[in-house]
Amino acid sequence: TIIRCDNGPEFISHEFIGWARKRAIRIEYIQPGQPQQNAYIERFNRTARYSWVSKHLFERLDDVQDYATRWLWFYNHERPHKANGGKPPLKAA
């Protein structure tokens, strides 16, 4: 398993690297200053950050995972999208 990420402080910490190593996960970093090398996840991170992470205070990791699951369902199945004529992304596909 591989996780591709940028060189932000949250991804170069010893805690993160140790966590990945214990789980046999290889970390591949994009080149510094080249966010387009990880554009899909950078776009998702921005959307999640502005849509809900910055608006809620979570007390437990389970709360974050539950909210993220419900938010992702809404985002793909219910949220109207202008580019799809007002249809949610997965209903327009």
C-alpha atoms as a PDB file:
ATOM      1  CA  THR A   1       0.000   0.000   0.000  1.00  0.00           C
ATOM      2  CA  ILE A   2       1.189   3.487  -0.852  1.00  0.00           C
ATOM      3  CA  ILE A   3       0.083   6.911   0.348  1.00  0.00           C
ATOM      4  CA  ARG A   4       1.045   9.795  -1.914  1.00  0.00           C
ATOM      5  CA  CYS A   5       1.135  13.140  -0.149  1.00  0.00           C
ATOM      6  CA  ASP A   6       2.761  16.523  -0.093  1.00  0.00           C
ATOM      7  CA  ASN A   7       5.609  17.607   2.142  1.00  0.00           C
ATOM      8  CA  GLY A   8       3.428  19.412   4.669  1.00  0.00           C
ATOM      9  CA  PRO A   9       4.381  19.182   8.340  1.00  0.00           C
ATOM     10  CA  GLU A  10       1.525  16.780   9.044  1.00  0.00           C
ATOM     11  CA  PHE A  11       3.003  14.285   6.564  1.00  0.00           C
ATOM     12  CA  ILE A  12       6.669  14.470   7.482  1.00  0.00           C
ATOM     13  CA  SER A  13       6.214  14.053  11.232  1.00  0.00           C
ATOM     14  CA  HIS A  14       7.853  11.111  12.965  1.00  0.00           C
ATOM     15  CA  GLU A  15       4.427  10.037  14.270  1.00  0.00           C
ATOM     16  CA  PHE A  16       2.980   9.752  10.762  1.00  0.00           C
ATOM     17  CA  ILE A  17       6.018   7.985   9.364  1.00  0.00           C
ATOM     18  CA  GLY A  18       6.045   5.554  12.307  1.00  0.00           C
ATOM     19  CA  TRP A  19       2.312   4.897  11.910  1.00  0.00           C
ATOM     20  CA  ALA A  20       2.787   4.083   8.217  1.00  0.00           C
ATOM     21  CA  ARG A  21       5.841   1.910   8.829  1.00  0.00           C
ATOM     22  CA  LYS A  22       3.972  -0.215  11.426  1.00  0.00           C
ATOM     23  CA  ARG A  23       1.285  -0.875   8.830  1.00  0.00           C
ATOM     24  CA  ALA A  24       3.669  -1.602   5.949  1.00  0.00           C
ATOM     25  CA  ILE A  25       2.494   1.526   4.121  1.00  0.00           C
ATOM     26  CA  ARG A  26       5.016   3.256   1.871  1.00  0.00           C
ATOM     27  CA  ILE A  27       4.908   7.055   1.771  1.00  0.00           C
ATOM     28  CA  GLU A  28       5.616   8.716  -1.577  1.00  0.00           C
ATOM     29  CA  TYR A  29       6.034  12.465  -1.481  1.00  0.00           C
ATOM     30  CA  ILE A  30       5.343  14.784  -4.378  1.00  0.00           C
ATOM     31  CA  GLN A  31       8.116  17.161  -5.425  1.00  0.00           C
ATOM     32  CA  PRO A  32       8.116  20.325  -3.304  1.00  0.00           C
ATOM     33  CA  GLY A  33       6.159  23.115  -4.962  1.00  0.00           C
ATOM     34  CA  GLN A  34       4.391  20.732  -7.369  1.00  0.00           C
ATOM     35  CA  PRO A  35       0.828  20.298  -5.999  1.00  0.00           C
ATOM     36  CA  GLN A  36      -0.416  19.260  -9.451  1.00  0.00           C
ATOM     37  CA  GLN A  37       1.361  15.929  -8.885  1.00  0.00           C
ATOM     38  CA  ASN A  38      -1.318  15.186  -6.313  1.00  0.00           C
ATOM     39  CA  ALA A  39      -4.119  17.323  -7.764  1.00  0.00           C
ATOM     40  CA  TYR A  40      -7.030  14.962  -7.065  1.00  0.00           C
ATOM     41  CA  ILE A  41      -6.400  14.722  -3.340  1.00  0.00           C
ATOM     42  CA  GLU A  42      -5.430  18.405  -3.078  1.00  0.00           C
ATOM     43  CA  ARG A  43      -8.832  19.297  -4.575  1.00  0.00           C
ATOM     44  CA  PHE A  44     -10.608  16.918  -2.211  1.00  0.00           C
ATOM     45  CA  ASN A  45      -8.690  18.252   0.807  1.00  0.00           C
ATOM     46  CA  ARG A  46      -9.620  21.821  -0.061  1.00  0.00           C
ATOM     47  CA  THR A  47     -13.276  20.923  -0.512  1.00  0.00           C
ATOM     48  CA  ALA A  48     -13.435  18.953   2.733  1.00  0.00           C
ATOM     49  CA  ARG A  49     -11.545  21.627   4.676  1.00  0.00           C
ATOM     50  CA  TYR A  50     -13.845  24.469   3.602  1.00  0.00           C
ATOM     51  CA  SER A  51     -17.067  22.433   3.576  1.00  0.00           C
ATOM     52  CA  TRP A  52     -16.894  20.834   7.004  1.00  0.00           C
ATOM     53  CA  VAL A  53     -13.533  20.423   8.746  1.00  0.00           C
ATOM     54  CA  SER A  54     -13.182  24.144   9.480  1.00  0.00           C
ATOM     55  CA  LYS A  55     -16.832  24.375  10.604  1.00  0.00           C
ATOM     56  CA  HIS A  56     -16.985  21.591  13.204  1.00  0.00           C
ATOM     57  CA  LEU A  57     -15.187  20.662  16.377  1.00  0.00           C
ATOM     58  CA  PHE A  58     -14.928  16.896  16.794  1.00  0.00           C
ATOM     59  CA  GLU A  59     -14.189  15.142  20.053  1.00  0.00           C
ATOM     60  CA  ARG A  60     -13.429  11.645  18.790  1.00  0.00           C
ATOM     61  CA  LEU A  61     -11.983  10.108  15.648  1.00  0.00           C
ATOM     62  CA  ASP A  62     -15.148   8.019  15.275  1.00  0.00           C
ATOM     63  CA  ASP A  63     -17.143  11.273  15.065  1.00  0.00           C
ATOM     64  CA  VAL A  64     -14.912  12.513  12.246  1.00  0.00           C
ATOM     65  CA  GLN A  65     -15.200   9.233  10.348  1.00  0.00           C
ATOM     66  CA  ASP A  66     -18.994   9.179  10.733  1.00  0.00           C
ATOM     67  CA  TYR A  67     -19.370  12.778   9.603  1.00  0.00           C
ATOM     68  CA  ALA A  68     -16.978  12.267   6.676  1.00  0.00           C
ATOM     69  CA  THR A  69     -18.941   9.219   5.490  1.00  0.00           C
ATOM     70  CA  ARG A  70     -22.263  11.070   5.646  1.00  0.00           C
ATOM     71  CA  TRP A  71     -20.761  14.168   3.998  1.00  0.00           C
ATOM     72  CA  LEU A  72     -19.246  12.122   1.150  1.00  0.00           C
ATOM     73  CA  TRP A  73     -22.603  10.411   0.525  1.00  0.00           C
ATOM     74  CA  PHE A  74     -24.353  13.790   0.390  1.00  0.00           C
ATOM     75  CA  TYR A  75     -21.615  15.282  -1.807  1.00  0.00           C
ATOM     76  CA  ASN A  76     -21.890  12.516  -4.426  1.00  0.00           C
ATOM     77  CA  HIS A  77     -25.556  11.470  -4.227  1.00  0.00           C
ATOM     78  CA  GLU A  78     -27.655  14.464  -3.162  1.00  0.00           C
ATOM     79  CA  ARG A  79     -25.781  17.754  -3.636  1.00  0.00           C
ATOM     80  CA  PRO A  80     -26.969  19.613  -6.733  1.00  0.00           C
ATOM     81  CA  HIS A  81     -24.159  20.573  -9.081  1.00  0.00           C
ATOM     82  CA  LYS A  82     -24.461  23.396 -11.617  1.00  0.00           C
ATOM     83  CA  ALA A  83     -22.293  21.663 -14.224  1.00  0.00           C
ATOM     84  CA  ASN A  84     -24.661  18.662 -14.159  1.00  0.00           C
ATOM     85  CA  GLY A  85     -27.805  20.696 -14.699  1.00  0.00           C
ATOM     86  CA  GLY A  86     -28.600  20.654 -10.978  1.00  0.00           C
ATOM     87  CA  LYS A  87     -28.107  16.884 -10.610  1.00  0.00           C
ATOM     88  CA  PRO A  88     -25.785  15.290  -8.055  1.00  0.00           C
ATOM     89  CA  PRO A  89     -22.543  13.926  -9.555  1.00  0.00           C
ATOM     90  CA  LEU A  90     -23.421  10.226  -9.373  1.00  0.00           C
ATOM     91  CA  LYS A  91     -26.972  10.721 -10.668  1.00  0.00           C
ATOM     92  CA  ALA A  92     -25.650  12.629 -13.665  1.00  0.00           C
ATOM     93  CA  ALA A  93     -23.178   9.872 -14.591  1.00  0.00           C
END
